[in-house]
Amino acid sequence: MEKRGKFTVSLVIPAKNEEGGIASLIEMSKGFADEVIIIDGHSSDKTAEAAIKSGAKVFLDNKRGKGDAYKVGIQKASGDIIVFMDADGSHDPKQIPALIEPLVNGDADFVIGSRHKGGSDEWCGDLDNYVRNIGCDFLTLVINYRWKANLTECLNGFRAIKRNAALKLDLRADDFDIEQHMIVQCLRKGFKVTEVAAHEYNRKWGVSKLPTYHKAYLFFWRLFLDLF
């Protein structure tokens, strides 16, 4: 891997059945990362084949969920900075330079893309969005209070971390609760955590893997485990 300025960047994208747009996402990302790594959740479509054809490195997760994919990605990444991005087109690779800037400048060890600061096309006045926003705000409030942080959200999948910090985390979450859990583990380790504005777009292809109500318990159970 060649140095991209001062740091090398690995982009890790967990993906399952995202054949409809994974190739275009990889192509859009190439100018902003030194390597693109797809962690395939044992897709039943041609996600893996399309990713390999587009030049990405592809590895399988252990069939445990998004958190498991994050952990596999951390082990497989070779860059100095690891960027995580969702596979549904909701994050724009062009925002990667702004996301990693606090890491490059030495101002942070872990950066979260904030939809509260950057806006989201998915926020609308339906019940699912209302419940998700209330839940996310509650989790963020507790994390801020307990670990003296000043975050606006904790569940955005667009984030970046120094690889040497990621390798020191004791990550136990295997599912969607990995996102809040990673923040807590960084704060516990004394790593500097900050946010930058990041806009979220509507899913451009595929189907959501996160049912609002079916897996809601995961986030609150993880919060309980992290607190006690």
C-alpha atoms as a PDB file:
ATOM      1  CA  MET A   1       0.000   0.000   0.000  1.00  0.00           C
ATOM      2  CA  GLU A   2       1.361   3.409  -0.958  1.00  0.00           C
ATOM      3  CA  LYS A   3       1.327   6.333   1.429  1.00  0.00           C
ATOM      4  CA  ARG A   4      -1.485   8.834   0.751  1.00  0.00           C
ATOM      5  CA  GLY A   5       0.252  11.900   2.118  1.00  0.00           C
ATOM      6  CA  LYS A   6       0.983  11.375   5.790  1.00  0.00           C
ATOM      7  CA  PHE A   7      -1.358   8.430   6.365  1.00  0.00           C
ATOM      8  CA  THR A   8      -2.724   5.437   4.487  1.00  0.00           C
ATOM      9  CA  VAL A   9      -6.479   4.884   4.569  1.00  0.00           C
ATOM     10  CA  SER A  10      -8.423   1.616   4.577  1.00  0.00           C
ATOM     11  CA  LEU A  11     -12.131   1.832   3.792  1.00  0.00           C
ATOM     12  CA  VAL A  12     -14.139  -1.003   5.367  1.00  0.00           C
ATOM     13  CA  ILE A  13     -17.671  -1.587   4.089  1.00  0.00           C
ATOM     14  CA  PRO A  14     -19.840  -4.312   5.665  1.00  0.00           C
ATOM     15  CA  ALA A  15     -22.218  -5.560   2.975  1.00  0.00           C
ATOM     16  CA  LYS A  16     -24.931  -8.152   2.582  1.00  0.00           C
ATOM     17  CA  ASN A  17     -27.006  -8.481  -0.574  1.00  0.00           C
ATOM     18  CA  GLU A  18     -25.971  -5.088  -1.938  1.00  0.00           C
ATOM     19  CA  GLU A  19     -25.315  -6.249  -5.510  1.00  0.00           C
ATOM     20  CA  GLY A  20     -27.366  -3.357  -6.880  1.00  0.00           C
ATOM     21  CA  GLY A  21     -24.827  -0.677  -6.081  1.00  0.00           C
ATOM     22  CA  ILE A  22     -21.701  -2.087  -4.475  1.00  0.00           C
ATOM     23  CA  ALA A  23     -19.634  -1.755  -7.662  1.00  0.00           C
ATOM     24  CA  SER A  24     -20.490   1.920  -8.142  1.00  0.00           C
ATOM     25  CA  LEU A  25     -19.800   2.627  -4.455  1.00  0.00           C
ATOM     26  CA  ILE A  26     -16.363   1.038  -4.724  1.00  0.00           C
ATOM     27  CA  GLU A  27     -15.571   3.040  -7.854  1.00  0.00           C
ATOM     28  CA  MET A  28     -16.612   6.291  -6.144  1.00  0.00           C
ATOM     29  CA  SER A  29     -14.463   5.432  -3.111  1.00  0.00           C
ATOM     30  CA  LYS A  30     -11.189   4.623  -4.840  1.00  0.00           C
ATOM     31  CA  GLY A  31      -9.982   8.202  -4.933  1.00  0.00           C
ATOM     32  CA  PHE A  32     -10.400   8.566  -1.174  1.00  0.00           C
ATOM     33  CA  ALA A  33      -8.856   5.354   0.191  1.00  0.00           C
ATOM     34  CA  ASP A  34      -5.727   3.331  -0.418  1.00  0.00           C
ATOM     35  CA  GLU A  35      -7.657   0.088  -0.160  1.00  0.00           C
ATOM     36  CA  VAL A  36     -11.359  -0.777  -0.192  1.00  0.00           C
ATOM     37  CA  ILE A  37     -12.342  -3.803   1.887  1.00  0.00           C
ATOM     38  CA  ILE A  38     -15.768  -5.395   1.639  1.00  0.00           C
ATOM     39  CA  ILE A  39     -16.777  -7.603   4.554  1.00  0.00           C
ATOM     40  CA  ASP A  40     -19.431  -9.798   2.986  1.00  0.00           C
ATOM     41  CA  GLY A  41     -22.176 -11.128   5.239  1.00  0.00           C
ATOM     42  CA  HIS A  42     -22.534 -14.331   3.191  1.00  0.00           C
ATOM     43  CA  SER A  43     -24.680 -12.630   0.562  1.00  0.00           C
ATOM     44  CA  SER A  44     -27.110 -14.716  -1.443  1.00  0.00           C
ATOM     45  CA  ASP A  45     -26.671 -12.443  -4.481  1.00  0.00           C
ATOM     46  CA  LYS A  46     -23.526 -11.437  -6.384  1.00  0.00           C
ATOM     47  CA  THR A  47     -22.289  -8.768  -3.969  1.00  0.00           C
ATOM     48  CA  ALA A  48     -18.908 -10.452  -3.476  1.00  0.00           C
ATOM     49  CA  GLU A  49     -18.360 -11.102  -7.167  1.00  0.00           C
ATOM     50  CA  ALA A  50     -19.211  -7.503  -8.094  1.00  0.00           C
ATOM     51  CA  ALA A  51     -16.886  -6.178  -5.387  1.00  0.00           C
ATOM     52  CA  ILE A  52     -13.960  -8.325  -6.487  1.00  0.00           C
ATOM     53  CA  LYS A  53     -14.497  -7.326 -10.118  1.00  0.00           C
ATOM     54  CA  SER A  54     -14.423  -3.670  -9.054  1.00  0.00           C
ATOM     55  CA  GLY A  55     -11.029  -4.115  -7.387  1.00  0.00           C
ATOM     56  CA  ALA A  56     -12.001  -4.374  -3.722  1.00  0.00           C
ATOM     57  CA  LYS A  57     -10.628  -6.901  -1.285  1.00  0.00           C
ATOM     58  CA  VAL A  58     -13.423  -9.185  -0.070  1.00  0.00           C
ATOM     59  CA  PHE A  59     -13.560 -11.188   3.155  1.00  0.00           C
ATOM     60  CA  LEU A  60     -16.407 -13.108   4.765  1.00  0.00           C
ATOM     61  CA  ASP A  61     -17.670 -12.316   8.229  1.00  0.00           C
ATOM     62  CA  ASN A  62     -18.594 -15.021  10.743  1.00  0.00           C
ATOM     63  CA  LYS A  63     -22.365 -14.751  10.218  1.00  0.00           C
ATOM     64  CA  ARG A  64     -22.853 -12.830  13.470  1.00  0.00           C
ATOM     65  CA  GLY A  65     -23.836  -9.384  12.208  1.00  0.00           C
ATOM     66  CA  LYS A  66     -22.490  -5.898  11.559  1.00  0.00           C
ATOM     67  CA  GLY A  67     -20.330  -5.799  14.685  1.00  0.00           C
ATOM     68  CA  ASP A  68     -18.644  -9.003  13.637  1.00  0.00           C
ATOM     69  CA  ALA A  69     -17.978  -7.434  10.230  1.00  0.00           C
ATOM     70  CA  TYR A  70     -16.371  -4.415  11.929  1.00  0.00           C
ATOM     71  CA  LYS A  71     -14.067  -6.675  13.917  1.00  0.00           C
ATOM     72  CA  VAL A  72     -13.065  -8.669  10.844  1.00  0.00           C
ATOM     73  CA  GLY A  73     -12.456  -5.420   8.980  1.00  0.00           C
ATOM     74  CA  ILE A  74     -10.173  -4.066  11.697  1.00  0.00           C
ATOM     75  CA  GLN A  75      -8.065  -7.203  11.518  1.00  0.00           C
ATOM     76  CA  LYS A  76      -7.876  -7.166   7.714  1.00  0.00           C
ATOM     77  CA  ALA A  77      -7.204  -3.442   7.251  1.00  0.00           C
ATOM     78  CA  SER A  78      -3.608  -2.368   6.764  1.00  0.00           C
ATOM     79  CA  GLY A  79      -4.023   1.416   6.633  1.00  0.00           C
ATOM     80  CA  ASP A  80      -3.064   3.844   9.371  1.00  0.00           C
ATOM     81  CA  ILE A  81      -6.684   5.049   9.402  1.00  0.00           C
ATOM     82  CA  ILE A  82      -9.758   2.841   9.067  1.00  0.00           C
ATOM     83  CA  VAL A  83     -12.920   4.399   7.676  1.00  0.00           C
ATOM     84  CA  PHE A  84     -16.230   2.572   8.075  1.00  0.00           C
ATOM     85  CA  MET A  85     -19.058   3.238   5.656  1.00  0.00           C
ATOM     86  CA  ASP A  86     -22.431   1.608   4.987  1.00  0.00           C
ATOM     87  CA  ALA A  87     -22.972  -0.241   1.716  1.00  0.00           C
ATOM     88  CA  ASP A  88     -26.343   1.242   0.762  1.00  0.00           C
ATOM     89  CA  GLY A  89     -25.212   4.549  -0.736  1.00  0.00           C
ATOM     90  CA  SER A  90     -26.310   6.593   2.277  1.00  0.00           C
ATOM     91  CA  HIS A  91     -22.760   7.913   2.794  1.00  0.00           C
ATOM     92  CA  ASP A  92     -20.811   9.920   0.248  1.00  0.00           C
ATOM     93  CA  PRO A  93     -17.144   8.904  -0.161  1.00  0.00           C
ATOM     94  CA  LYS A  94     -16.367  12.531  -1.028  1.00  0.00           C
ATOM     95  CA  GLN A  95     -16.864  13.310   2.671  1.00  0.00           C
ATOM     96  CA  ILE A  96     -14.016  10.996   3.721  1.00  0.00           C
ATOM     97  CA  PRO A  97     -11.315  13.734   3.682  1.00  0.00           C
ATOM     98  CA  ALA A  98     -13.378  15.872   6.099  1.00  0.00           C
ATOM     99  CA  LEU A  99     -14.121  12.826   8.251  1.00  0.00           C
ATOM    100  CA  ILE A 100     -10.475  11.884   8.718  1.00  0.00           C
ATOM    101  CA  GLU A 101      -9.126  15.436   9.047  1.00  0.00           C
ATOM    102  CA  PRO A 102      -9.179  15.422  12.888  1.00  0.00           C
ATOM    103  CA  LEU A 103      -7.197  12.162  12.819  1.00  0.00           C
ATOM    104  CA  VAL A 104      -4.662  13.487  10.334  1.00  0.00           C
ATOM    105  CA  ASN A 105      -4.224  16.675  12.358  1.00  0.00           C
ATOM    106  CA  GLY A 106      -3.765  14.757  15.610  1.00  0.00           C
ATOM    107  CA  ASP A 107      -6.895  16.215  17.177  1.00  0.00           C
ATOM    108  CA  ALA A 108      -8.698  12.887  17.658  1.00  0.00           C
ATOM    109  CA  ASP A 109      -8.305   9.120  17.682  1.00  0.00           C
ATOM    110  CA  PHE A 110     -11.883   8.368  16.615  1.00  0.00           C
ATOM    111  CA  VAL A 111     -14.301  10.479  14.551  1.00  0.00           C
ATOM    112  CA  ILE A 112     -18.041  10.018  14.062  1.00  0.00           C
ATOM    113  CA  GLY A 113     -19.962  11.526  11.179  1.00  0.00           C
ATOM    114  CA  SER A 114     -22.784  13.515  12.744  1.00  0.00           C
ATOM    115  CA  ARG A 115     -26.133  13.628  10.971  1.00  0.00           C
ATOM    116  CA  HIS A 116     -27.305  16.185  13.515  1.00  0.00           C
ATOM    117  CA  LYS A 117     -24.641  18.547  12.208  1.00  0.00           C
ATOM    118  CA  GLY A 118     -24.743  17.483   8.545  1.00  0.00           C
ATOM    119  CA  GLY A 119     -28.403  16.618   8.015  1.00  0.00           C
ATOM    120  CA  SER A 120     -30.176  13.491   6.858  1.00  0.00           C
ATOM    121  CA  ASP A 121     -32.531  12.792   3.956  1.00  0.00           C
ATOM    122  CA  GLU A 122     -33.993   9.921   5.961  1.00  0.00           C
ATOM    123  CA  TRP A 123     -35.436  12.124   8.689  1.00  0.00           C
ATOM    124  CA  CYS A 124     -39.133  12.531   8.092  1.00  0.00           C
ATOM    125  CA  GLY A 125     -42.265  12.598  10.201  1.00  0.00           C
ATOM    126  CA  ASP A 126     -43.173   8.913  10.238  1.00  0.00           C
ATOM    127  CA  LEU A 127     -43.326   6.671  13.295  1.00  0.00           C
ATOM    128  CA  ASP A 128     -40.222   4.613  12.478  1.00  0.00           C
ATOM    129  CA  ASN A 129     -38.029   7.702  12.218  1.00  0.00           C
ATOM    130  CA  TYR A 130     -39.503   9.198  15.367  1.00  0.00           C
ATOM    131  CA  VAL A 131     -38.800   6.037  17.383  1.00  0.00           C
ATOM    132  CA  ARG A 132     -35.269   5.723  15.984  1.00  0.00           C
ATOM    133  CA  ASN A 133     -34.445   9.341  16.754  1.00  0.00           C
ATOM    134  CA  ILE A 134     -35.774   9.142  20.301  1.00  0.00           C
ATOM    135  CA  GLY A 135     -33.825   5.935  20.919  1.00  0.00           C
ATOM    136  CA  CYS A 136     -30.593   7.313  19.456  1.00  0.00           C
ATOM    137  CA  ASP A 137     -30.898  10.554  21.421  1.00  0.00           C
ATOM    138  CA  PHE A 138     -31.436   8.638  24.665  1.00  0.00           C
ATOM    139  CA  LEU A 139     -28.400   6.435  24.092  1.00  0.00           C
ATOM    140  CA  THR A 140     -26.275   9.465  23.242  1.00  0.00           C
ATOM    141  CA  LEU A 141     -27.486  11.334  26.320  1.00  0.00           C
ATOM    142  CA  VAL A 142     -26.499   8.481  28.634  1.00  0.00           C
ATOM    143  CA  ILE A 143     -23.101   8.026  26.972  1.00  0.00           C
ATOM    144  CA  ASN A 144     -22.394  11.749  27.225  1.00  0.00           C
ATOM    145  CA  TYR A 145     -23.390  11.864  30.885  1.00  0.00           C
ATOM    146  CA  ARG A 146     -21.521   8.713  31.929  1.00  0.00           C
ATOM    147  CA  TRP A 147     -18.283   9.326  30.040  1.00  0.00           C
ATOM    148  CA  LYS A 148     -18.231  13.138  30.024  1.00  0.00           C
ATOM    149  CA  ALA A 149     -18.522  13.340  26.238  1.00  0.00           C
ATOM    150  CA  ASN A 150     -20.177  15.953  24.051  1.00  0.00           C
ATOM    151  CA  LEU A 151     -21.605  13.992  21.127  1.00  0.00           C
ATOM    152  CA  THR A 152     -24.754  14.631  19.130  1.00  0.00           C
ATOM    153  CA  GLU A 153     -25.290  11.016  18.089  1.00  0.00           C
ATOM    154  CA  CYS A 154     -23.842   7.541  18.456  1.00  0.00           C
ATOM    155  CA  LEU A 155     -25.370   5.324  15.755  1.00  0.00           C
ATOM    156  CA  ASN A 156     -24.025   6.617  12.452  1.00  0.00           C
ATOM    157  CA  GLY A 157     -22.116   3.969  10.500  1.00  0.00           C
ATOM    158  CA  PHE A 158     -19.915   6.615   8.846  1.00  0.00           C
ATOM    159  CA  ARG A 159     -16.868   6.867  11.115  1.00  0.00           C
ATOM    160  CA  ALA A 160     -13.077   6.718  11.170  1.00  0.00           C
ATOM    161  CA  ILE A 161     -10.503   5.539  13.678  1.00  0.00           C
ATOM    162  CA  LYS A 162      -6.742   5.241  13.897  1.00  0.00           C
ATOM    163  CA  ARG A 163      -5.881   1.601  13.320  1.00  0.00           C
ATOM    164  CA  ASN A 164      -3.561   1.422  16.323  1.00  0.00           C
ATOM    165  CA  ALA A 165      -6.452   2.598  18.508  1.00  0.00           C
ATOM    166  CA  ALA A 166      -8.929   0.173  16.932  1.00  0.00           C
ATOM    167  CA  LEU A 167      -6.647  -2.770  17.646  1.00  0.00           C
ATOM    168  CA  LYS A 168      -6.635  -1.877  21.358  1.00  0.00           C
ATOM    169  CA  LEU A 169     -10.419  -1.945  21.727  1.00  0.00           C
ATOM    170  CA  ASP A 170     -12.154  -4.825  23.470  1.00  0.00           C
ATOM    171  CA  LEU A 171     -15.092  -4.985  21.076  1.00  0.00           C
ATOM    172  CA  ARG A 172     -17.724  -7.520  22.120  1.00  0.00           C
ATOM    173  CA  ALA A 173     -20.823  -6.440  20.173  1.00  0.00           C
ATOM    174  CA  ASP A 174     -21.568  -8.556  17.106  1.00  0.00           C
ATOM    175  CA  ASP A 175     -24.607  -6.767  15.707  1.00  0.00           C
ATOM    176  CA  PHE A 176     -25.808  -3.213  15.018  1.00  0.00           C
ATOM    177  CA  ASP A 177     -25.000  -2.221  18.596  1.00  0.00           C
ATOM    178  CA  ILE A 178     -21.325  -2.138  17.587  1.00  0.00           C
ATOM    179  CA  GLU A 179     -21.647   1.548  16.726  1.00  0.00           C
ATOM    180  CA  GLN A 180     -22.472   2.787  20.233  1.00  0.00           C
ATOM    181  CA  HIS A 181     -20.228   0.107  21.784  1.00  0.00           C
ATOM    182  CA  MET A 182     -17.198   1.296  19.815  1.00  0.00           C
ATOM    183  CA  ILE A 183     -17.713   4.831  21.107  1.00  0.00           C
ATOM    184  CA  VAL A 184     -17.943   3.623  24.702  1.00  0.00           C
ATOM    185  CA  GLN A 185     -14.830   1.489  24.376  1.00  0.00           C
ATOM    186  CA  CYS A 186     -12.870   4.425  22.942  1.00  0.00           C
ATOM    187  CA  LEU A 187     -13.986   6.696  25.777  1.00  0.00           C
ATOM    188  CA  ARG A 188     -13.088   4.038  28.343  1.00  0.00           C
ATOM    189  CA  LYS A 189      -9.599   3.749  26.881  1.00  0.00           C
ATOM    190  CA  GLY A 190      -9.145   7.501  27.080  1.00  0.00           C
ATOM    191  CA  PHE A 191      -9.026   7.986  23.325  1.00  0.00           C
ATOM    192  CA  LYS A 192     -10.015  11.372  21.939  1.00  0.00           C
ATOM    193  CA  VAL A 193     -13.463  11.122  20.322  1.00  0.00           C
ATOM    194  CA  THR A 194     -14.969  13.887  18.205  1.00  0.00           C
ATOM    195  CA  GLU A 195     -17.531  14.510  15.459  1.00  0.00           C
ATOM    196  CA  VAL A 196     -17.664  16.178  12.075  1.00  0.00           C
ATOM    197  CA  ALA A 197     -20.732  17.121  10.060  1.00  0.00           C
ATOM    198  CA  ALA A 198     -21.717  14.352   7.630  1.00  0.00           C
ATOM    199  CA  HIS A 199     -24.829  14.263   5.488  1.00  0.00           C
ATOM    200  CA  GLU A 200     -26.837  11.046   5.252  1.00  0.00           C
ATOM    201  CA  TYR A 201     -28.655  10.241   2.017  1.00  0.00           C
ATOM    202  CA  ASN A 202     -31.586   7.941   1.426  1.00  0.00           C
ATOM    203  CA  ARG A 203     -30.662   4.332   0.762  1.00  0.00           C
ATOM    204  CA  LYS A 204     -29.949   4.109  -2.974  1.00  0.00           C
ATOM    205  CA  TRP A 205     -30.341   0.352  -3.450  1.00  0.00           C
ATOM    206  CA  GLY A 206     -31.110  -2.883  -1.601  1.00  0.00           C
ATOM    207  CA  VAL A 207     -33.215  -3.387   1.520  1.00  0.00           C
ATOM    208  CA  SER A 208     -32.534  -2.256   5.099  1.00  0.00           C
ATOM    209  CA  LYS A 209     -31.129  -4.948   7.399  1.00  0.00           C
ATOM    210  CA  LEU A 210     -32.204  -3.133  10.585  1.00  0.00           C
ATOM    211  CA  PRO A 211     -35.859  -3.586  11.550  1.00  0.00           C
ATOM    212  CA  THR A 212     -36.783  -0.695  13.838  1.00  0.00           C
ATOM    213  CA  TYR A 213     -38.623  -2.758  16.439  1.00  0.00           C
ATOM    214  CA  HIS A 214     -37.292  -6.297  16.014  1.00  0.00           C
ATOM    215  CA  LYS A 215     -33.749  -5.387  17.113  1.00  0.00           C
ATOM    216  CA  ALA A 216     -34.396  -2.336  19.281  1.00  0.00           C
ATOM    217  CA  TYR A 217     -33.558  -4.320  22.419  1.00  0.00           C
ATOM    218  CA  LEU A 218     -29.952  -4.766  21.204  1.00  0.00           C
ATOM    219  CA  PHE A 219     -29.057  -1.133  21.763  1.00  0.00           C
ATOM    220  CA  PHE A 220     -30.485  -0.865  25.255  1.00  0.00           C
ATOM    221  CA  TRP A 221     -29.060  -4.213  26.346  1.00  0.00           C
ATOM    222  CA  ARG A 222     -25.643  -3.150  25.077  1.00  0.00           C
ATOM    223  CA  LEU A 223     -25.954   0.124  26.982  1.00  0.00           C
ATOM    224  CA  PHE A 224     -26.757  -1.825  30.137  1.00  0.00           C
ATOM    225  CA  LEU A 225     -23.730  -4.092  29.625  1.00  0.00           C
ATOM    226  CA  ASP A 226     -21.438  -1.138  28.971  1.00  0.00           C
ATOM    227  CA  LEU A 227     -22.699   0.723  32.024  1.00  0.00           C
ATOM    228  CA  PHE A 228     -22.510  -2.165  34.475  1.00  0.00           C
END
